[in-house]
Structure formats: C-alpha cells, structure tokens
Amino acid sequence: MEILTSLAHLGRMIKILIVAAVCFPSLVFAQASKEDYAIYSQCLKNYQKEKDKKMYFVVKESADYIRKYDTVEIRNIIAELRGYLSGDQASATDVKFMYRSFADTLKKDTLWMPLLEQLDKKSKSEFVLENKFSKKLQTVMIRSEDADAFFIKVKDFRKSWAAFQYHYSKRAVMVEFSEIATDGKRAVFYFVSKCGGLCGNGFILFCYKENNHWKFIPTFPRWVS
C-alpha cells in the first residue's frame, strides 16, 4: 500500500514538472540578466551603425545554430589563443590576423581565457531570450520552428528571404545570440547575423565595461556567407 501511495505521489510530481516546463519555459532554461540585455542591445546598435542603416532585428529565441554547429568554433578559438599565449608562431599569425587589437589586450589580461572556457560550456545547453532589448531598437522575437518554416522547409533561399522580409520588413535581419560569459568587467558571447542567402556572419565578441558602458574590441568574423 505504501509503495502504491509513493508511486501515485511520484506520478503527480512528474505531471507538475511537465506542466511547469510547458507553461513556464523560463523556469527550465537559463535566463539573461538586465546587464546581458544591455550588452546585446549595444551589439545591435554597433551592428546597425556599422551598416549605416536602420534595421528591423528578428531575434531567435534560442541559440540553436550556435548550439548545434558553432561550439567547435569556440573550442578552436580557445586552442588558438592558448597557442598564441604560449608563443606558438602559427597561432600568433592567425590570432593577430583574426583578432588584431584583442591579441594585445589578451597579452595584458589573461582573464579573458576563463570566460572563453565558460562560454564553451554555456553554448552546449539550451538558452532562451525575451524581447527585453533597448527601446531604441526595432526588435521582434522568432521561435526556432517559425524560423525553420521560412528557411528549412523552403529550399530556395531567394524565396525564403522574400517571404521572410515580406512577413517582417525589407530591413529585416535575423540575429542569434549565445548566452554571455561574464565576470562583470569582461564579457564574451557568440553572435550570428543573417540578411540573405549570401549575407551572414558569425562572430565571437569581446567587450569590457568602462565608465559604466560596454565597449567592444574589434574582431573579424569567424565565418562569412
């Protein structure tokens, strides 16, 4: 009898957990902080300024692309930077080309390395964002399944992007963020932008806090399409 009661109690607990997962996904997955959204927003403002035009940002709720494909990139970066710090000439050439000013920054401040290790771990787990970006930006969220409906189910990229921009805006750019690895003074995260069949970039971004504002260290994209 006690065993049956325990099993019934366990069954009720499982049902409660399932309902919580469905109705309150933010309780299950990692959540971004207010400071994280400030960093993401500054990233989008910088991107918009660099392109010199107003954009309509369609932000993916979860970092599926990063989690599925770009964790290898993060591990490669860690290996390159370790080689650079140890004096390996091949790594030094690659790092100085890809990261320019960051290469010098890393020599003076090796505390960036633990953050990259932290980012590597974070990027392997589910992460969900909400539309809490700066009000000065035009942002809207898109679920992974809705993005797939545009780009996975339709094989012709021209038709996919035409449908996507018709639905959102001709200025629409789809972006994706990883979770941020930060120690309060430094922050590292992965950023993906896509604006067409042959218009996309993947970046590892490094930023630091100065006078209560986040400033970004220039780097080249890890990939370009």
C-alpha atoms as a PDB file:
ATOM      1  CA  MET A   1       0.000   0.000   0.000  1.00  0.00           C
ATOM      2  CA  GLU A   2       2.817   2.423   0.913  1.00  0.00           C
ATOM      3  CA  ILE A   3       4.564   1.621  -2.378  1.00  0.00           C
ATOM      4  CA  LEU A   4       1.385   2.400  -4.343  1.00  0.00           C
ATOM      5  CA  THR A   5       0.969   5.683  -2.455  1.00  0.00           C
ATOM      6  CA  SER A   6       4.583   6.638  -3.184  1.00  0.00           C
ATOM      7  CA  LEU A   7       4.152   5.822  -6.881  1.00  0.00           C
ATOM      8  CA  ALA A   8       0.992   7.908  -7.057  1.00  0.00           C
ATOM      9  CA  HIS A   9       2.800  10.814  -5.392  1.00  0.00           C
ATOM     10  CA  LEU A  10       5.708  10.453  -7.844  1.00  0.00           C
ATOM     11  CA  GLY A  11       3.245  10.454 -10.750  1.00  0.00           C
ATOM     12  CA  ARG A  12       1.686  13.713  -9.537  1.00  0.00           C
ATOM     13  CA  MET A  13       5.122  15.322  -9.175  1.00  0.00           C
ATOM     14  CA  ILE A  14       6.074  14.333 -12.725  1.00  0.00           C
ATOM     15  CA  LYS A  15       2.827  15.841 -14.062  1.00  0.00           C
ATOM     16  CA  ILE A  16       3.534  19.090 -12.192  1.00  0.00           C
ATOM     17  CA  LEU A  17       7.051  19.263 -13.638  1.00  0.00           C
ATOM     18  CA  ILE A  18       5.753  18.649 -17.167  1.00  0.00           C
ATOM     19  CA  VAL A  19       3.142  21.398 -16.820  1.00  0.00           C
ATOM     20  CA  ALA A  20       5.781  23.784 -15.436  1.00  0.00           C
ATOM     21  CA  ALA A  21       8.103  23.042 -18.337  1.00  0.00           C
ATOM     22  CA  VAL A  22       5.349  23.704 -20.891  1.00  0.00           C
ATOM     23  CA  CYS A  23       3.778  26.759 -19.273  1.00  0.00           C
ATOM     24  CA  PHE A  24       6.892  28.340 -17.761  1.00  0.00           C
ATOM     25  CA  PRO A  25       9.875  27.543 -20.008  1.00  0.00           C
ATOM     26  CA  SER A  26      11.879  30.392 -18.472  1.00  0.00           C
ATOM     27  CA  LEU A  27      11.975  28.370 -15.238  1.00  0.00           C
ATOM     28  CA  VAL A  28      13.681  25.500 -17.058  1.00  0.00           C
ATOM     29  CA  PHE A  29      16.220  27.273 -19.269  1.00  0.00           C
ATOM     30  CA  ALA A  30      18.911  29.797 -18.413  1.00  0.00           C
ATOM     31  CA  GLN A  31      17.728  33.410 -18.443  1.00  0.00           C
ATOM     32  CA  ALA A  32      19.568  36.557 -19.472  1.00  0.00           C
ATOM     33  CA  SER A  33      20.029  39.326 -16.901  1.00  0.00           C
ATOM     34  CA  LYS A  34      19.275  43.027 -17.359  1.00  0.00           C
ATOM     35  CA  GLU A  35      23.008  43.609 -17.872  1.00  0.00           C
ATOM     36  CA  ASP A  36      23.081  40.882 -20.543  1.00  0.00           C
ATOM     37  CA  TYR A  37      20.338  42.668 -22.491  1.00  0.00           C
ATOM     38  CA  ALA A  38      22.323  45.901 -22.220  1.00  0.00           C
ATOM     39  CA  ILE A  39      25.286  44.110 -23.854  1.00  0.00           C
ATOM     40  CA  TYR A  40      23.121  42.527 -26.560  1.00  0.00           C
ATOM     41  CA  SER A  41      21.494  45.884 -27.286  1.00  0.00           C
ATOM     42  CA  GLN A  42      24.846  47.636 -27.611  1.00  0.00           C
ATOM     43  CA  CYS A  43      25.942  44.876 -30.004  1.00  0.00           C
ATOM     44  CA  LEU A  44      22.888  45.511 -32.226  1.00  0.00           C
ATOM     45  CA  LYS A  45      23.418  49.275 -32.114  1.00  0.00           C
ATOM     46  CA  ASN A  46      27.046  48.806 -33.184  1.00  0.00           C
ATOM     47  CA  TYR A  47      25.979  46.445 -35.978  1.00  0.00           C
ATOM     48  CA  GLN A  48      23.399  48.938 -37.216  1.00  0.00           C
ATOM     49  CA  LYS A  49      25.890  51.793 -37.090  1.00  0.00           C
ATOM     50  CA  GLU A  50      28.472  49.753 -38.990  1.00  0.00           C
ATOM     51  CA  LYS A  51      25.947  49.005 -41.769  1.00  0.00           C
ATOM     52  CA  ASP A  52      24.867  52.673 -41.699  1.00  0.00           C
ATOM     53  CA  LYS A  53      21.148  51.973 -41.925  1.00  0.00           C
ATOM     54  CA  LYS A  54      18.127  51.334 -39.736  1.00  0.00           C
ATOM     55  CA  MET A  55      17.381  47.662 -39.255  1.00  0.00           C
ATOM     56  CA  TYR A  56      14.488  45.534 -38.096  1.00  0.00           C
ATOM     57  CA  PHE A  57      16.048  42.837 -35.922  1.00  0.00           C
ATOM     58  CA  VAL A  58      14.328  39.457 -35.818  1.00  0.00           C
ATOM     59  CA  VAL A  59      15.950  37.752 -32.818  1.00  0.00           C
ATOM     60  CA  LYS A  60      15.854  33.974 -32.428  1.00  0.00           C
ATOM     61  CA  GLU A  61      14.528  32.982 -29.016  1.00  0.00           C
ATOM     62  CA  SER A  62      17.064  30.173 -28.644  1.00  0.00           C
ATOM     63  CA  ALA A  63      20.640  29.824 -29.888  1.00  0.00           C
ATOM     64  CA  ASP A  64      20.054  26.689 -31.962  1.00  0.00           C
ATOM     65  CA  TYR A  65      22.595  27.386 -34.700  1.00  0.00           C
ATOM     66  CA  ILE A  66      25.315  28.152 -32.167  1.00  0.00           C
ATOM     67  CA  ARG A  67      24.499  25.138 -30.016  1.00  0.00           C
ATOM     68  CA  LYS A  68      24.383  22.731 -32.968  1.00  0.00           C
ATOM     69  CA  TYR A  69      27.229  23.963 -35.141  1.00  0.00           C
ATOM     70  CA  ASP A  70      29.480  26.644 -33.679  1.00  0.00           C
ATOM     71  CA  THR A  71      30.657  25.079 -30.426  1.00  0.00           C
ATOM     72  CA  VAL A  72      33.550  23.668 -32.486  1.00  0.00           C
ATOM     73  CA  GLU A  73      34.463  27.239 -33.443  1.00  0.00           C
ATOM     74  CA  ILE A  74      34.633  28.242 -29.788  1.00  0.00           C
ATOM     75  CA  ARG A  75      36.942  25.336 -28.951  1.00  0.00           C
ATOM     76  CA  ASN A  76      39.139  26.228 -31.937  1.00  0.00           C
ATOM     77  CA  ILE A  77      39.413  29.810 -30.721  1.00  0.00           C
ATOM     78  CA  ILE A  78      40.433  28.652 -27.242  1.00  0.00           C
ATOM     79  CA  ALA A  79      43.154  26.437 -28.764  1.00  0.00           C
ATOM     80  CA  GLU A  80      44.411  29.291 -30.999  1.00  0.00           C
ATOM     81  CA  LEU A  81      44.578  31.767 -28.132  1.00  0.00           C
ATOM     82  CA  ARG A  82      46.340  29.274 -25.850  1.00  0.00           C
ATOM     83  CA  GLY A  83      48.907  28.681 -28.597  1.00  0.00           C
ATOM     84  CA  TYR A  84      49.357  32.411 -29.026  1.00  0.00           C
ATOM     85  CA  LEU A  85      49.981  32.908 -25.306  1.00  0.00           C
ATOM     86  CA  SER A  86      52.488  30.061 -25.252  1.00  0.00           C
ATOM     87  CA  GLY A  87      54.476  31.610 -28.106  1.00  0.00           C
ATOM     88  CA  ASP A  88      53.453  29.299 -30.961  1.00  0.00           C
ATOM     89  CA  GLN A  89      54.250  31.153 -34.205  1.00  0.00           C
ATOM     90  CA  ALA A  90      51.456  29.635 -36.311  1.00  0.00           C
ATOM     91  CA  SER A  91      48.870  30.535 -33.676  1.00  0.00           C
ATOM     92  CA  ALA A  92      50.355  34.027 -33.333  1.00  0.00           C
ATOM     93  CA  THR A  93      49.888  34.664 -37.067  1.00  0.00           C
ATOM     94  CA  ASP A  94      46.249  33.503 -37.026  1.00  0.00           C
ATOM     95  CA  VAL A  95      45.341  35.344 -33.811  1.00  0.00           C
ATOM     96  CA  LYS A  96      46.899  38.624 -34.910  1.00  0.00           C
ATOM     97  CA  PHE A  97      45.019  38.401 -38.214  1.00  0.00           C
ATOM     98  CA  MET A  98      41.641  37.438 -36.742  1.00  0.00           C
ATOM     99  CA  TYR A  99      41.691  39.470 -33.552  1.00  0.00           C
ATOM    100  CA  ARG A 100      44.057  42.391 -34.185  1.00  0.00           C
ATOM    101  CA  SER A 101      43.763  44.650 -31.127  1.00  0.00           C
ATOM    102  CA  PHE A 102      42.391  41.827 -28.981  1.00  0.00           C
ATOM    103  CA  ALA A 103      45.698  39.965 -29.350  1.00  0.00           C
ATOM    104  CA  ASP A 104      47.486  42.766 -27.480  1.00  0.00           C
ATOM    105  CA  THR A 105      44.681  43.012 -24.929  1.00  0.00           C
ATOM    106  CA  LEU A 106      44.959  39.286 -24.193  1.00  0.00           C
ATOM    107  CA  LYS A 107      48.704  39.575 -23.547  1.00  0.00           C
ATOM    108  CA  LYS A 108      47.981  42.131 -20.818  1.00  0.00           C
ATOM    109  CA  ASP A 109      44.845  40.470 -19.442  1.00  0.00           C
ATOM    110  CA  THR A 110      44.681  36.660 -19.497  1.00  0.00           C
ATOM    111  CA  LEU A 111      41.414  36.670 -17.512  1.00  0.00           C
ATOM    112  CA  TRP A 112      39.632  36.504 -20.870  1.00  0.00           C
ATOM    113  CA  MET A 113      40.595  32.824 -21.151  1.00  0.00           C
ATOM    114  CA  PRO A 114      38.418  31.527 -18.261  1.00  0.00           C
ATOM    115  CA  LEU A 115      35.479  33.380 -19.839  1.00  0.00           C
ATOM    116  CA  LEU A 116      36.001  31.565 -23.134  1.00  0.00           C
ATOM    117  CA  GLU A 117      36.062  28.259 -21.252  1.00  0.00           C
ATOM    118  CA  GLN A 118      32.836  29.300 -19.547  1.00  0.00           C
ATOM    119  CA  LEU A 119      31.302  30.238 -22.919  1.00  0.00           C
ATOM    120  CA  ASP A 120      32.226  26.824 -24.321  1.00  0.00           C
ATOM    121  CA  LYS A 121      30.233  25.146 -21.545  1.00  0.00           C
ATOM    122  CA  LYS A 122      27.285  27.543 -21.776  1.00  0.00           C
ATOM    123  CA  SER A 123      26.959  27.196 -25.546  1.00  0.00           C
ATOM    124  CA  LYS A 124      26.149  23.488 -25.281  1.00  0.00           C
ATOM    125  CA  SER A 125      22.923  23.959 -23.306  1.00  0.00           C
ATOM    126  CA  GLU A 126      19.521  25.425 -24.182  1.00  0.00           C
ATOM    127  CA  PHE A 127      19.168  29.176 -23.733  1.00  0.00           C
ATOM    128  CA  VAL A 128      16.038  31.277 -24.233  1.00  0.00           C
ATOM    129  CA  LEU A 129      15.768  35.050 -24.743  1.00  0.00           C
ATOM    130  CA  GLU A 130      12.882  37.504 -24.396  1.00  0.00           C
ATOM    131  CA  ASN A 131      12.297  40.830 -26.116  1.00  0.00           C
ATOM    132  CA  LYS A 132      13.978  42.961 -23.443  1.00  0.00           C
ATOM    133  CA  PHE A 133      16.307  44.861 -25.758  1.00  0.00           C
ATOM    134  CA  SER A 134      16.726  48.638 -25.870  1.00  0.00           C
ATOM    135  CA  LYS A 135      13.565  50.539 -26.855  1.00  0.00           C
ATOM    136  CA  LYS A 136      15.730  52.474 -29.326  1.00  0.00           C
ATOM    137  CA  LEU A 137      15.981  49.304 -31.436  1.00  0.00           C
ATOM    138  CA  GLN A 138      13.310  47.668 -33.554  1.00  0.00           C
ATOM    139  CA  THR A 139      13.278  44.069 -32.326  1.00  0.00           C
ATOM    140  CA  VAL A 140      10.886  41.152 -32.502  1.00  0.00           C
ATOM    141  CA  MET A 141      11.362  37.540 -31.392  1.00  0.00           C
ATOM    142  CA  ILE A 142      11.064  34.448 -33.578  1.00  0.00           C
ATOM    143  CA  ARG A 143      10.759  30.848 -32.419  1.00  0.00           C
ATOM    144  CA  SER A 144      13.058  28.212 -33.895  1.00  0.00           C
ATOM    145  CA  GLU A 145      10.159  26.345 -35.514  1.00  0.00           C
ATOM    146  CA  ASP A 146       8.942  29.551 -37.181  1.00  0.00           C
ATOM    147  CA  ALA A 147      12.433  30.308 -38.500  1.00  0.00           C
ATOM    148  CA  ASP A 148      12.609  26.731 -39.818  1.00  0.00           C
ATOM    149  CA  ALA A 149       9.316  27.260 -41.639  1.00  0.00           C
ATOM    150  CA  PHE A 150      10.996  30.051 -43.625  1.00  0.00           C
ATOM    151  CA  PHE A 151      14.448  28.598 -44.186  1.00  0.00           C
ATOM    152  CA  ILE A 152      14.488  24.815 -43.676  1.00  0.00           C
ATOM    153  CA  LYS A 153      11.242  23.768 -45.320  1.00  0.00           C
ATOM    154  CA  VAL A 154      11.741  26.073 -48.332  1.00  0.00           C
ATOM    155  CA  LYS A 155      14.922  25.082 -50.177  1.00  0.00           C
ATOM    156  CA  ASP A 156      15.148  28.148 -52.451  1.00  0.00           C
ATOM    157  CA  PHE A 157      16.947  30.867 -50.426  1.00  0.00           C
ATOM    158  CA  ARG A 158      15.628  33.654 -52.621  1.00  0.00           C
ATOM    159  CA  LYS A 159      12.049  32.587 -51.971  1.00  0.00           C
ATOM    160  CA  SER A 160      12.813  32.052 -48.279  1.00  0.00           C
ATOM    161  CA  TRP A 161      14.207  35.556 -47.805  1.00  0.00           C
ATOM    162  CA  ALA A 162      11.491  37.140 -49.942  1.00  0.00           C
ATOM    163  CA  ALA A 163       8.843  35.503 -47.725  1.00  0.00           C
ATOM    164  CA  PHE A 164      10.740  36.381 -44.543  1.00  0.00           C
ATOM    165  CA  GLN A 165      11.141  40.063 -45.474  1.00  0.00           C
ATOM    166  CA  TYR A 166       7.537  40.259 -46.734  1.00  0.00           C
ATOM    167  CA  HIS A 167       6.369  38.964 -43.348  1.00  0.00           C
ATOM    168  CA  TYR A 168       8.630  41.232 -41.278  1.00  0.00           C
ATOM    169  CA  SER A 169      10.256  44.072 -43.220  1.00  0.00           C
ATOM    170  CA  LYS A 170      12.591  44.687 -46.158  1.00  0.00           C
ATOM    171  CA  ARG A 171      15.029  45.896 -43.469  1.00  0.00           C
ATOM    172  CA  ALA A 172      14.734  42.631 -41.526  1.00  0.00           C
ATOM    173  CA  VAL A 173      17.888  40.883 -40.301  1.00  0.00           C
ATOM    174  CA  MET A 174      17.723  37.635 -38.341  1.00  0.00           C
ATOM    175  CA  VAL A 175      20.157  37.509 -35.438  1.00  0.00           C
ATOM    176  CA  GLU A 176      21.104  34.966 -32.818  1.00  0.00           C
ATOM    177  CA  PHE A 177      22.939  35.315 -29.508  1.00  0.00           C
ATOM    178  CA  SER A 178      24.637  32.778 -27.281  1.00  0.00           C
ATOM    179  CA  GLU A 179      24.459  33.065 -23.524  1.00  0.00           C
ATOM    180  CA  ILE A 180      27.024  35.565 -22.218  1.00  0.00           C
ATOM    181  CA  ALA A 181      30.070  34.521 -20.205  1.00  0.00           C
ATOM    182  CA  THR A 182      30.989  37.438 -17.950  1.00  0.00           C
ATOM    183  CA  ASP A 183      32.779  38.356 -14.742  1.00  0.00           C
ATOM    184  CA  GLY A 184      31.131  41.775 -14.507  1.00  0.00           C
ATOM    185  CA  LYS A 185      34.083  43.590 -16.102  1.00  0.00           C
ATOM    186  CA  ARG A 186      34.554  41.494 -19.239  1.00  0.00           C
ATOM    187  CA  ALA A 187      32.040  39.655 -21.403  1.00  0.00           C
ATOM    188  CA  VAL A 188      32.283  37.140 -24.248  1.00  0.00           C
ATOM    189  CA  PHE A 189      29.487  35.762 -26.447  1.00  0.00           C
ATOM    190  CA  TYR A 190      28.721  34.403 -29.902  1.00  0.00           C
ATOM    191  CA  PHE A 191      26.690  36.499 -32.348  1.00  0.00           C
ATOM    192  CA  VAL A 192      25.204  35.389 -35.672  1.00  0.00           C
ATOM    193  CA  SER A 193      23.584  37.703 -38.232  1.00  0.00           C
ATOM    194  CA  LYS A 194      21.791  36.686 -41.431  1.00  0.00           C
ATOM    195  CA  CYS A 195      20.332  39.074 -44.001  1.00  0.00           C
ATOM    196  CA  GLY A 196      20.142  36.962 -47.166  1.00  0.00           C
ATOM    197  CA  GLY A 197      21.237  33.770 -48.914  1.00  0.00           C
ATOM    198  CA  LEU A 198      24.811  35.065 -49.207  1.00  0.00           C
ATOM    199  CA  CYS A 199      24.695  37.592 -46.396  1.00  0.00           C
ATOM    200  CA  GLY A 200      25.674  36.320 -42.971  1.00  0.00           C
ATOM    201  CA  ASN A 201      28.393  36.364 -40.322  1.00  0.00           C
ATOM    202  CA  GLY A 202      29.345  34.535 -37.148  1.00  0.00           C
ATOM    203  CA  PHE A 203      31.381  36.389 -34.514  1.00  0.00           C
ATOM    204  CA  ILE A 204      32.920  35.750 -31.142  1.00  0.00           C
ATOM    205  CA  LEU A 205      32.563  39.155 -29.498  1.00  0.00           C
ATOM    206  CA  PHE A 206      34.683  40.502 -26.637  1.00  0.00           C
ATOM    207  CA  CYS A 207      33.627  43.553 -24.644  1.00  0.00           C
ATOM    208  CA  TYR A 208      34.660  45.276 -21.447  1.00  0.00           C
ATOM    209  CA  LYS A 209      32.981  47.712 -19.083  1.00  0.00           C
ATOM    210  CA  GLU A 210      34.366  51.239 -18.886  1.00  0.00           C
ATOM    211  CA  ASN A 211      32.656  54.174 -17.146  1.00  0.00           C
ATOM    212  CA  ASN A 212      29.513  52.042 -16.771  1.00  0.00           C
ATOM    213  CA  HIS A 213      29.297  51.397 -20.534  1.00  0.00           C
ATOM    214  CA  TRP A 214      30.146  48.290 -22.543  1.00  0.00           C
ATOM    215  CA  LYS A 215      32.782  48.739 -25.243  1.00  0.00           C
ATOM    216  CA  PHE A 216      33.593  46.160 -27.898  1.00  0.00           C
ATOM    217  CA  ILE A 217      37.032  45.067 -29.088  1.00  0.00           C
ATOM    218  CA  PRO A 218      37.113  44.816 -32.925  1.00  0.00           C
ATOM    219  CA  THR A 219      37.460  41.293 -34.362  1.00  0.00           C
ATOM    220  CA  PHE A 220      36.973  39.637 -37.750  1.00  0.00           C
ATOM    221  CA  PRO A 221      34.019  37.260 -38.248  1.00  0.00           C
ATOM    222  CA  ARG A 222      34.689  33.552 -37.768  1.00  0.00           C
ATOM    223  CA  TRP A 223      32.697  32.816 -40.912  1.00  0.00           C
ATOM    224  CA  VAL A 224      31.062  34.771 -43.727  1.00  0.00           C
ATOM    225  CA  SER A 225      28.445  33.683 -46.247  1.00  0.00           C
END
